[in-house]
Amino acid sequence: MAQRAVIYLRSSKDRHDVSVESQRRELQRYIEQAGDILIDEFVDKVESAKTANRPAFQDMMGEVKTKKCRFSIIYCYDTSRFSRRKYDAQMYKHLLKKNGIGLTFLKLPKGDPLMDSVLESLMEIFDEFHSQKSKMDGLRGMRENVAKGWRAGGSAPIGYKLEKIVVGTRDGEPITKSTLAPDPKIFDKIKMYFQGRIAGVNRNHLVDKLALNIPKTSLTYLEENALTYAGHTVWNRHNEFIDGQYTGGKRYRERSQWVIQRDTHEAMITESEAEQLLTEREQARTGRKRRKVSHYLLAGLLHCKCGANYNGNSGYYRCQKDCGNRGIKKETIEGIVVDALFEQILNESTVKNLLNRIQAEAKKQPQADNKSAKLKQELKHIEKQIQDLVQLITQVKHQRPILEKIDLLEEERGTLEKLLSESDPATKKTWQNISESGVRKFSTSYKRSFDQGDFEQKKALIKSCVGSIELNGNEAKIKPSYVSITGLNWRPQGDSNPCCRRERAVS
């Protein structure tokens, strides 16, 4: 029976590689002989098979995962088209098998099924070996180029341009090597920028003064690349970038692994000035890591009037959406909130008044005992249903409907337990029995725990009795968490949110 087929085509930078057009012709002929129907093709041109992060390949695998996949078999020229990494190849073959999609290689010798799987694995191992060998040959060639003063590839850094020089011919075509030459449009400006940075002038000031249209991230990269601007060719500085991340999580290799060929092009700065800039960049990175350890007591609680969170940043709380509401110093807002917590929310008078109001509300609900009894009866009935269904599972063949029913009953049980805890008279009686001395003891104990606790303890104590804080201009509105304070799902009527107004230091 004819199958709906697609073909996957891939070419690489290797000049000896089989072209996409040649792969397509042979695969079309092969599919026609097999009696299958070709409905589409996925093509990655000049893409490496060392990674699965290839656009067309990912589109094809993405369709495999959908319920509306149009094909039932994939044809590929050989194993190296599919992947040069054994792990990736096996992983994606498993995905195809799980979804009932076949995979056929044109250049794979035929045999019995057992030998085919062994041979296919061997081919993948050889493909990976070839890939690693090609990589090592390429790196060796780059190292040789750098040793002779040529560029190892890539675009020219800002301030320079690539100057190509013909060094020979191959198959009648010129062979060119490149080196760096000053870019007359911007060379002098970048040189002045470096002179300013070496003297300690602020980046933004230099950008305005020199009218440089360069993003800040590019400016820091210029300084990271200081040795190049000292007239040296630097190679093997970056770690490999695979599947969206650098190997080992670091952008740069250790300094001992860099390959530096000195005095290969015109310099803007001296080598000692370059080393000064590199040292300053390293100190800046270390400083950033230290700043990340800063603690923010109100993280997750402080919100802007626009609805966004306030995030801690360099000793300030700032609106996540940058809506225009000013940032505020960490010490200022945290001090105000802690003072308000003990002066307005957890003082003896407020807590006592809160308990009196809860007791008054409880007296208005004489039916609470009956309601609690009904909830307990319903809860008991649901628990019996769950037990009966659990026993039934072992006696039936199709268990899914029973499991779904149990899930629904468990959700209902959770709801009833919550309602029961909120309406249980025993809970209310506990609060009714608290005396003024008990209130005083509660407030004093809470304050002592806060003063003597470490950062995490203080943060937990604040979160236990503060629901949220809204910052609007010079006003902070604190919403207490009455559930945590009283143990009851109860809210007082009217505006019960303490407000604090203050003068504050802003960014």
Protein backbone atom coordinates (compact mmCIF):
# COMPACT_ATOMS: atom_id res chain seq x y z
CA MET A 1 0.00 0.00 0.00
CA ALA A 2 1.38 3.42 -1.01
CA GLN A 3 2.50 5.65 1.84
CA ARG A 4 2.43 9.45 2.02
CA ALA A 5 6.10 10.42 2.09
CA VAL A 6 8.31 13.46 2.65
CA ILE A 7 12.02 13.85 2.02
CA TYR A 8 14.56 15.55 4.25
CA LEU A 9 17.46 17.25 2.44
CA ARG A 10 20.51 18.84 4.03
CA SER A 11 23.71 20.34 2.66
CA SER A 12 26.74 21.62 4.56
CA LYS A 13 29.62 24.04 3.89
CA ASP A 14 31.82 21.09 2.89
CA ARG A 15 32.59 21.64 -0.81
CA HIS A 16 32.73 17.85 -1.32
CA ASP A 17 29.25 17.39 0.13
CA VAL A 18 26.38 15.96 -1.93
CA SER A 19 24.26 18.86 -3.22
CA VAL A 20 20.60 19.26 -2.30
CA GLU A 21 19.60 18.98 -5.97
CA SER A 22 21.44 15.66 -6.35
CA GLN A 23 19.86 14.28 -3.16
CA ARG A 24 16.41 15.37 -4.36
CA ARG A 25 16.75 13.67 -7.78
CA GLU A 26 17.89 10.33 -6.36
CA LEU A 27 15.28 10.29 -3.60
CA GLN A 28 12.43 11.18 -5.99
CA ARG A 29 13.45 8.32 -8.25
CA TYR A 30 13.71 5.92 -5.30
CA ILE A 31 10.27 6.92 -3.90
CA GLU A 32 8.67 6.47 -7.32
CA GLN A 33 10.13 2.95 -7.58
CA ALA A 34 8.88 2.15 -4.06
CA GLY A 35 5.35 3.18 -5.09
CA ASP A 36 4.99 5.83 -2.38
CA ILE A 37 3.52 9.33 -2.85
CA LEU A 38 5.82 12.31 -2.27
CA ILE A 39 3.80 15.16 -0.72
CA ASP A 40 6.46 17.58 0.55
CA GLU A 41 10.13 18.16 1.31
CA PHE A 42 12.06 19.76 4.18
CA VAL A 43 15.34 21.45 3.22
CA ASP A 44 18.19 22.79 5.37
CA LYS A 45 20.88 24.40 3.22
CA VAL A 46 24.38 24.93 4.62
CA GLU A 47 23.34 23.59 8.04
CA SER A 48 25.43 21.44 10.35
CA ALA A 49 24.09 18.04 11.41
CA LYS A 50 26.08 18.27 14.66
CA THR A 51 23.06 19.96 16.20
CA ALA A 52 19.35 19.23 15.92
CA ASN A 53 18.65 22.96 15.96
CA ARG A 54 18.01 23.13 12.18
CA PRO A 55 14.90 25.07 11.03
CA ALA A 56 13.48 22.61 8.49
CA PHE A 57 14.43 19.57 10.59
CA GLN A 58 12.61 21.02 13.61
CA ASP A 59 9.57 21.88 11.44
CA MET A 60 9.46 18.27 10.27
CA MET A 61 9.78 16.85 13.80
CA GLY A 62 7.23 19.35 15.06
CA GLU A 63 4.69 18.02 12.56
CA VAL A 64 5.48 14.44 13.63
CA LYS A 65 4.28 15.32 17.15
CA THR A 66 0.91 16.68 15.95
CA LYS A 67 -2.29 14.71 15.41
CA LYS A 68 -2.56 16.13 11.87
CA CYS A 69 0.77 14.83 10.59
CA ARG A 70 0.48 14.56 6.78
CA PHE A 71 3.02 11.79 6.19
CA SER A 72 3.79 8.28 7.39
CA ILE A 73 7.38 7.89 6.17
CA ILE A 74 10.50 10.08 5.84
CA TYR A 75 13.12 9.46 3.15
CA CYS A 76 16.69 10.67 3.72
CA TYR A 77 19.77 10.37 1.49
CA ASP A 78 22.03 8.87 4.19
CA THR A 79 22.49 8.80 7.96
CA SER A 80 24.70 11.91 7.98
CA ARG A 81 21.82 13.98 6.49
CA PHE A 82 19.68 13.05 9.49
CA SER A 83 22.23 13.62 12.26
CA ARG A 84 25.97 13.30 12.90
CA ARG A 85 25.39 12.79 16.61
CA LYS A 86 24.46 9.31 17.72
CA TYR A 87 22.48 10.49 20.74
CA ASP A 88 20.38 12.93 18.70
CA ALA A 89 19.82 10.31 15.97
CA GLN A 90 18.59 7.70 18.44
CA MET A 91 16.38 10.21 20.27
CA TYR A 92 14.60 11.37 17.10
CA LYS A 93 14.29 7.83 15.73
CA HIS A 94 12.55 6.89 18.97
CA LEU A 95 10.19 9.84 18.50
CA LEU A 96 9.37 8.69 14.95
CA LYS A 97 8.80 5.10 16.07
CA LYS A 98 6.50 6.21 18.90
CA ASN A 99 4.37 8.18 16.44
CA GLY A 100 4.30 5.42 13.81
CA ILE A 101 6.47 7.27 11.27
CA GLY A 102 8.93 5.28 9.15
CA LEU A 103 12.47 6.41 8.28
CA THR A 104 14.35 5.13 5.22
CA PHE A 105 17.91 5.95 4.14
CA LEU A 106 18.72 5.69 0.44
CA LYS A 107 22.43 4.95 0.88
CA LEU A 108 22.09 2.25 3.50
CA PRO A 109 22.88 -1.30 2.32
CA LYS A 110 19.97 -3.71 2.65
CA GLY A 111 20.08 -6.84 4.78
CA ASP A 112 18.15 -8.64 7.45
CA PRO A 113 16.49 -6.48 10.17
CA LEU A 114 18.98 -7.42 12.89
CA MET A 115 22.00 -6.53 10.75
CA ASP A 116 20.30 -3.37 9.48
CA SER A 117 19.99 -1.94 13.00
CA VAL A 118 23.64 -2.80 13.78
CA LEU A 119 24.84 -1.34 10.49
CA GLU A 120 22.76 1.81 10.96
CA SER A 121 24.29 2.38 14.40
CA LEU A 122 27.78 1.86 12.97
CA MET A 123 27.06 4.36 10.21
CA GLU A 124 25.98 6.92 12.81
CA ILE A 125 29.20 6.34 14.77
CA PHE A 126 31.27 6.89 11.61
CA ASP A 127 29.23 10.01 10.80
CA GLU A 128 29.99 11.45 14.24
CA PHE A 129 33.65 10.52 13.87
CA HIS A 130 33.76 12.24 10.47
CA SER A 131 32.07 15.31 11.96
CA GLN A 132 34.57 15.51 14.83
CA LYS A 133 37.49 14.96 12.43
CA SER A 134 36.22 17.71 10.12
CA LYS A 135 35.90 19.98 13.12
CA MET A 136 39.48 19.28 14.25
CA ASP A 137 40.78 19.83 10.70
CA GLY A 138 38.90 23.13 10.55
CA LEU A 139 40.26 24.27 13.92
CA ARG A 140 43.78 23.29 12.84
CA GLY A 141 43.38 25.40 9.72
CA MET A 142 42.11 28.36 11.72
CA ARG A 143 45.03 28.10 14.15
CA GLU A 144 47.43 28.06 11.20
CA ASN A 145 45.78 31.14 9.68
CA VAL A 146 46.06 33.04 12.98
CA ALA A 147 49.73 32.03 13.33
CA LYS A 148 50.39 33.65 9.94
CA GLY A 149 48.56 36.85 10.91
CA TRP A 150 45.31 36.16 9.02
CA ARG A 151 41.78 36.29 10.42
CA ALA A 152 40.19 32.95 11.42
CA GLY A 153 36.78 34.08 10.16
CA GLY A 154 33.91 36.25 11.36
CA SER A 155 33.01 39.88 10.76
CA ALA A 156 35.31 42.81 11.52
CA PRO A 157 35.01 44.47 14.95
CA ILE A 158 33.54 48.01 15.01
CA GLY A 159 36.16 50.49 13.81
CA TYR A 160 37.80 48.07 11.38
CA LYS A 161 36.92 46.52 8.03
CA LEU A 162 38.02 43.25 6.43
CA GLU A 163 40.72 43.55 3.80
CA LYS A 164 40.86 40.48 1.55
CA ILE A 165 44.13 39.42 -0.03
CA VAL A 166 44.50 36.78 -2.76
CA VAL A 167 47.08 34.17 -1.69
CA GLY A 168 46.61 31.57 -4.47
CA THR A 169 44.10 29.68 -6.60
CA ARG A 170 42.20 26.39 -6.35
CA ASP A 171 40.39 24.84 -9.32
CA GLY A 172 40.82 28.14 -11.12
CA GLU A 173 39.16 30.11 -8.32
CA PRO A 174 41.11 32.66 -6.22
CA ILE A 175 41.90 31.77 -2.59
CA THR A 176 41.64 34.78 -0.30
CA LYS A 177 42.69 35.47 3.27
CA SER A 178 41.56 38.45 5.31
CA THR A 179 43.11 40.86 7.77
CA LEU A 180 41.88 43.98 9.56
CA ALA A 181 42.27 47.49 8.22
CA PRO A 182 41.01 50.81 9.72
CA ASP A 183 37.48 51.75 8.71
CA PRO A 184 37.83 55.42 7.72
CA LYS A 185 34.17 56.12 8.64
CA ILE A 186 34.45 55.30 12.35
CA PHE A 187 38.07 54.32 13.23
CA ASP A 188 38.96 57.71 14.80
CA LYS A 189 35.71 57.88 16.83
CA ILE A 190 36.23 54.43 18.33
CA LYS A 191 39.83 55.38 19.13
CA MET A 192 38.59 58.49 21.00
CA TYR A 193 35.99 56.32 22.77
CA PHE A 194 38.76 54.04 24.07
CA GLN A 195 40.86 57.03 25.17
CA GLY A 196 37.87 58.31 27.14
CA ARG A 197 37.15 54.96 28.78
CA ILE A 198 40.80 54.51 29.77
CA ALA A 199 40.59 57.94 31.44
CA GLY A 200 37.46 56.80 33.33
CA VAL A 201 34.82 58.75 31.37
CA ASN A 202 31.24 57.39 31.52
CA ARG A 203 30.09 55.37 28.48
CA ASN A 204 26.86 57.30 27.99
CA HIS A 205 28.71 60.62 28.06
CA LEU A 206 31.15 59.39 25.41
CA VAL A 207 28.32 58.07 23.23
CA ASP A 208 26.61 61.49 23.30
CA LYS A 209 29.82 63.44 22.81
CA LEU A 210 31.05 61.33 19.87
CA ALA A 211 27.53 60.80 18.42
CA LEU A 212 28.01 57.03 18.37
CA ASN A 213 24.98 55.01 17.33
CA ILE A 214 26.07 51.85 19.17
CA PRO A 215 24.02 49.84 21.74
CA LYS A 216 25.41 49.64 25.28
CA THR A 217 25.88 45.86 25.02
CA SER A 218 28.09 46.40 21.94
CA LEU A 219 30.15 48.99 23.84
CA THR A 220 30.91 46.54 26.65
CA TYR A 221 31.84 43.94 24.03
CA LEU A 222 34.28 46.44 22.49
CA GLU A 223 36.04 46.64 25.84
CA GLU A 224 35.97 42.85 26.27
CA ASN A 225 37.72 42.70 22.86
CA ALA A 226 40.41 45.18 23.95
CA LEU A 227 43.37 43.04 22.80
CA THR A 228 42.08 43.16 19.23
CA TYR A 229 42.03 46.97 19.47
CA ALA A 230 45.65 46.76 20.70
CA GLY A 231 46.56 45.39 17.25
CA HIS A 232 46.54 41.64 18.06
CA THR A 233 44.56 38.79 16.51
CA VAL A 234 42.87 36.79 19.28
CA TRP A 235 41.39 33.35 18.58
CA ASN A 236 39.81 30.55 20.63
CA ARG A 237 38.50 33.08 23.14
CA HIS A 238 34.83 32.11 23.06
CA ASN A 239 33.42 28.81 24.27
CA GLU A 240 31.38 26.76 21.80
CA PHE A 241 27.79 27.96 21.35
CA ILE A 242 25.57 24.86 20.98
CA ASP A 243 21.75 24.74 21.02
CA GLY A 244 21.40 28.28 22.35
CA GLN A 245 23.98 28.21 25.15
CA TYR A 246 27.71 28.39 25.75
CA THR A 247 29.57 25.26 26.83
CA GLY A 248 29.96 25.29 30.60
CA GLY A 249 27.64 28.29 30.86
CA LYS A 250 30.52 30.74 30.26
CA ARG A 251 30.96 32.93 27.20
CA TYR A 252 34.77 33.06 27.38
CA ARG A 253 37.39 30.37 27.84
CA GLU A 254 40.18 30.64 30.40
CA ARG A 255 42.88 33.15 29.35
CA SER A 256 45.46 30.35 29.08
CA GLN A 257 43.46 28.83 26.17
CA TRP A 258 43.43 31.98 24.03
CA VAL A 259 45.60 32.02 20.90
CA ILE A 260 47.11 35.50 20.44
CA GLN A 261 49.12 36.60 17.40
CA ARG A 262 50.59 40.03 18.10
CA ASP A 263 50.89 43.09 15.85
CA THR A 264 48.72 41.86 12.96
CA HIS A 265 46.96 45.16 12.20
CA GLU A 266 46.92 48.85 13.14
CA ALA A 267 46.26 49.39 16.87
CA MET A 268 44.03 51.98 18.56
CA ILE A 269 45.39 51.46 22.10
CA THR A 270 48.49 50.01 23.74
CA GLU A 271 48.63 46.51 25.20
CA SER A 272 48.87 47.86 28.76
CA GLU A 273 45.74 49.97 28.15
CA ALA A 274 43.97 46.88 26.81
CA GLU A 275 44.91 44.93 29.94
CA GLN A 276 43.57 47.80 32.09
CA LEU A 277 40.19 47.63 30.32
CA LEU A 278 40.03 43.82 30.62
CA THR A 279 40.77 44.05 34.36
CA GLU A 280 37.99 46.62 34.81
CA ARG A 281 35.53 44.41 32.91
CA GLU A 282 36.41 41.42 35.11
CA GLN A 283 35.88 43.53 38.25
CA ALA A 284 32.51 44.72 36.88
CA ARG A 285 31.39 41.10 36.33
CA THR A 286 32.49 40.14 39.85
CA GLY A 287 30.66 43.17 41.27
CA ARG A 288 27.46 42.13 39.47
CA LYS A 289 27.66 38.68 41.02
CA ARG A 290 28.06 40.21 44.47
CA ARG A 291 25.09 42.52 43.99
CA LYS A 292 22.86 39.57 43.11
CA VAL A 293 23.09 38.41 46.71
CA SER A 294 21.19 41.51 47.93
CA HIS A 295 18.05 40.66 49.91
CA TYR A 296 14.68 42.30 49.42
CA LEU A 297 12.14 41.75 52.22
CA LEU A 298 9.13 42.85 50.15
CA ALA A 299 9.85 40.78 47.03
CA GLY A 300 6.53 39.40 45.73
CA LEU A 301 4.46 41.68 48.00
CA LEU A 302 5.17 45.15 46.59
CA HIS A 303 3.08 46.16 43.56
CA CYS A 304 2.87 49.30 41.45
CA LYS A 305 -0.35 51.28 40.87
CA CYS A 306 -0.24 49.94 37.27
CA GLY A 307 -0.55 46.37 38.59
CA ALA A 308 3.02 45.22 37.88
CA ASN A 309 5.41 43.93 40.53
CA TYR A 310 8.18 46.02 42.02
CA ASN A 311 11.48 44.17 41.57
CA GLY A 312 14.66 44.66 43.59
CA ASN A 313 17.45 46.19 41.52
CA SER A 314 20.74 47.73 42.76
CA GLY A 315 19.35 48.68 46.17
CA TYR A 316 16.05 50.03 44.80
CA TYR A 317 12.57 48.65 44.19
CA ARG A 318 11.54 49.51 40.61
CA CYS A 319 8.36 48.88 38.59
CA GLN A 320 8.73 45.81 36.38
CA LYS A 321 6.89 47.56 33.50
CA ASP A 322 8.78 50.85 33.91
CA CYS A 323 5.42 52.70 33.82
CA GLY A 324 6.84 55.98 35.08
CA ASN A 325 6.15 55.48 38.79
CA ARG A 326 9.41 56.31 40.55
CA GLY A 327 11.66 53.70 42.11
CA ILE A 328 12.25 53.77 45.85
CA LYS A 329 15.24 52.89 48.00
CA LYS A 330 15.12 49.43 49.54
CA GLU A 331 15.81 50.68 53.09
CA THR A 332 13.15 53.44 52.84
CA ILE A 333 10.13 51.33 51.85
CA GLU A 334 11.11 48.32 53.97
CA GLY A 335 11.48 50.54 57.05
CA ILE A 336 8.09 52.16 56.41
CA VAL A 337 6.31 48.81 55.94
CA VAL A 338 7.89 47.23 59.06
CA ASP A 339 6.97 50.30 61.16
CA ALA A 340 3.38 50.24 59.84
CA LEU A 341 3.19 46.49 60.49
CA PHE A 342 3.81 46.88 64.22
CA GLU A 343 2.30 50.33 64.73
CA GLN A 344 -0.96 49.89 62.76
CA ILE A 345 -1.60 46.18 62.18
CA LEU A 346 -0.10 44.18 65.06
CA ASN A 347 -0.50 46.62 67.94
CA GLU A 348 -2.59 45.47 70.93
CA SER A 349 -5.48 47.81 70.17
CA THR A 350 -5.86 46.72 66.53
CA VAL A 351 -5.65 42.99 67.24
CA LYS A 352 -8.11 43.28 70.16
CA ASN A 353 -10.53 45.29 68.02
CA LEU A 354 -10.20 42.69 65.28
CA LEU A 355 -11.09 39.88 67.68
CA ASN A 356 -14.11 41.82 69.00
CA ARG A 357 -15.40 42.31 65.48
CA ILE A 358 -14.95 38.61 64.68
CA GLN A 359 -16.89 37.69 67.82
CA ALA A 360 -19.65 40.13 66.86
CA GLU A 361 -19.87 38.59 63.40
CA ALA A 362 -20.02 35.11 64.96
CA LYS A 363 -23.02 36.10 67.12
CA LYS A 364 -24.91 37.13 63.99
CA GLN A 365 -24.66 33.56 62.68
CA PRO A 366 -26.65 31.32 65.06
CA GLN A 367 -26.99 28.68 62.39
CA ALA A 368 -23.23 28.01 62.36
CA ASP A 369 -23.53 24.82 64.43
CA ASN A 370 -26.20 23.37 62.10
CA LYS A 371 -24.18 24.31 59.04
CA SER A 372 -21.10 22.62 60.43
CA ALA A 373 -23.06 19.43 61.18
CA LYS A 374 -24.43 19.32 57.61
CA LEU A 375 -20.96 19.79 56.13
CA LYS A 376 -19.59 16.96 58.28
CA GLN A 377 -22.41 14.69 57.13
CA GLU A 378 -21.73 15.50 53.44
CA LEU A 379 -18.00 14.96 53.96
CA LYS A 380 -18.63 11.55 55.55
CA HIS A 381 -20.86 10.54 52.63
CA ILE A 382 -18.21 11.52 50.05
CA GLU A 383 -15.46 9.65 51.92
CA LYS A 384 -17.61 6.49 51.85
CA GLN A 385 -18.14 6.90 48.09
CA ILE A 386 -14.38 7.20 47.56
CA GLN A 387 -13.71 4.04 49.64
CA ASP A 388 -16.31 2.06 47.67
CA LEU A 389 -14.83 3.14 44.32
CA VAL A 390 -11.29 2.27 45.43
CA GLN A 391 -12.44 -1.27 46.25
CA LEU A 392 -14.23 -1.49 42.90
CA ILE A 393 -11.11 -0.66 40.87
CA THR A 394 -9.59 -4.12 41.37
CA GLN A 395 -12.78 -5.81 40.13
CA VAL A 396 -13.28 -4.09 36.77
CA LYS A 397 -11.38 -4.11 33.49
CA HIS A 398 -11.88 -0.47 32.45
CA GLN A 399 -10.62 1.64 35.34
CA ARG A 400 -10.41 5.11 33.75
CA PRO A 401 -14.07 6.16 34.42
CA ILE A 402 -13.73 5.13 38.06
CA LEU A 403 -10.44 7.02 38.49
CA GLU A 404 -11.99 10.14 36.97
CA LYS A 405 -14.93 9.87 39.36
CA ILE A 406 -12.54 9.52 42.32
CA ASP A 407 -10.69 12.66 41.19
CA LEU A 408 -13.96 14.62 41.15
CA LEU A 409 -14.93 13.37 44.59
CA GLU A 410 -11.47 14.26 45.97
CA GLU A 411 -11.91 17.83 44.70
CA GLU A 412 -15.33 17.99 46.33
CA ARG A 413 -13.91 16.63 49.59
CA GLY A 414 -11.23 19.31 49.61
CA THR A 415 -13.84 22.04 49.13
CA LEU A 416 -15.99 20.70 51.98
CA GLU A 417 -13.00 20.43 54.33
CA LYS A 418 -12.13 24.07 53.64
CA LEU A 419 -15.72 25.20 54.28
CA LEU A 420 -15.82 23.14 57.45
CA SER A 421 -12.62 24.70 58.82
CA GLU A 422 -14.04 28.18 58.15
CA SER A 423 -17.38 27.53 59.83
CA ASP A 424 -16.31 25.27 62.70
CA PRO A 425 -17.59 26.85 65.96
CA ALA A 426 -14.61 25.40 67.81
CA THR A 427 -12.34 27.74 65.90
CA LYS A 428 -14.45 30.76 66.81
CA LYS A 429 -14.58 29.70 70.46
CA THR A 430 -10.79 29.61 70.51
CA TRP A 431 -10.73 33.30 69.60
CA GLN A 432 -13.57 34.12 72.00
CA ASN A 433 -11.51 32.73 74.90
CA ILE A 434 -8.46 34.94 74.22
CA SER A 435 -7.93 37.61 76.90
CA GLU A 436 -6.31 41.03 76.67
CA SER A 437 -3.15 39.59 78.19
CA GLY A 438 -3.14 36.92 75.47
CA VAL A 439 -3.37 39.61 72.78
CA ARG A 440 -0.51 41.50 74.42
CA LYS A 441 1.57 38.33 74.58
CA PHE A 442 0.88 37.57 70.90
CA SER A 443 2.02 41.06 69.76
CA THR A 444 5.14 41.03 71.95
CA SER A 445 6.15 37.53 70.84
CA TYR A 446 5.71 38.41 67.17
CA LYS A 447 7.85 41.55 67.53
CA ARG A 448 10.59 39.63 69.37
CA SER A 449 10.67 36.91 66.69
CA PHE A 450 11.01 39.56 63.99
CA ASP A 451 13.81 41.48 65.73
CA GLN A 452 15.84 38.36 66.52
CA GLY A 453 15.22 36.47 63.26
CA ASP A 454 17.50 36.25 60.21
CA PHE A 455 16.50 37.57 56.78
CA GLU A 456 14.45 34.51 55.76
CA GLN A 457 12.58 34.49 59.09
CA LYS A 458 11.75 38.20 58.80
CA LYS A 459 10.52 37.73 55.24
CA ALA A 460 8.31 34.80 56.30
CA LEU A 461 6.85 36.79 59.23
CA ILE A 462 5.98 39.73 56.95
CA LYS A 463 4.35 37.42 54.41
CA SER A 464 2.34 35.75 57.18
CA CYS A 465 0.39 38.91 57.94
CA VAL A 466 0.72 41.12 54.83
CA GLY A 467 -1.23 40.14 51.73
CA SER A 468 0.10 42.86 49.39
CA ILE A 469 1.42 46.42 49.30
CA GLU A 470 0.43 48.90 46.59
CA LEU A 471 2.84 51.78 45.96
CA ASN A 472 1.28 54.84 44.33
CA GLY A 473 3.39 57.97 44.28
CA ASN A 474 4.06 58.90 47.91
CA GLU A 475 1.44 56.54 49.32
CA ALA A 476 1.86 52.88 50.24
CA LYS A 477 -1.36 50.95 50.87
CA ILE A 478 -0.89 47.77 52.91
CA LYS A 479 -3.44 44.97 52.64
CA PRO A 480 -3.23 42.75 55.75
CA SER A 481 -3.67 39.00 55.50
CA TYR A 482 -6.44 38.50 58.06
CA VAL A 483 -6.59 34.78 57.30
CA SER A 484 -3.02 34.35 58.57
CA ILE A 485 -3.56 36.60 61.60
CA THR A 486 -6.88 35.13 62.76
CA GLY A 487 -6.88 31.67 61.22
CA LEU A 488 -10.30 32.45 59.71
CA ASN A 489 -11.40 33.25 56.16
CA TRP A 490 -12.86 36.56 57.35
CA ARG A 491 -12.67 40.11 56.05
CA PRO A 492 -13.83 43.24 57.95
CA GLN A 493 -16.24 45.60 56.25
CA GLY A 494 -15.07 48.96 54.88
CA ASP A 495 -11.55 50.22 54.24
CA SER A 496 -9.23 48.35 56.56
CA ASN A 497 -6.00 48.87 54.65
CA PRO A 498 -3.47 51.05 56.53
CA CYS A 499 -1.95 53.80 54.41
CA CYS A 500 1.47 55.37 54.91
CA ARG A 501 2.56 58.67 53.38
CA ARG A 502 6.18 59.68 53.45
CA GLU A 503 8.97 61.63 51.84
CA ARG A 504 11.29 59.23 50.10
CA ALA A 505 14.53 59.03 48.17
CA VAL A 506 13.86 58.18 44.55
CA SER A 507 16.00 57.10 41.65
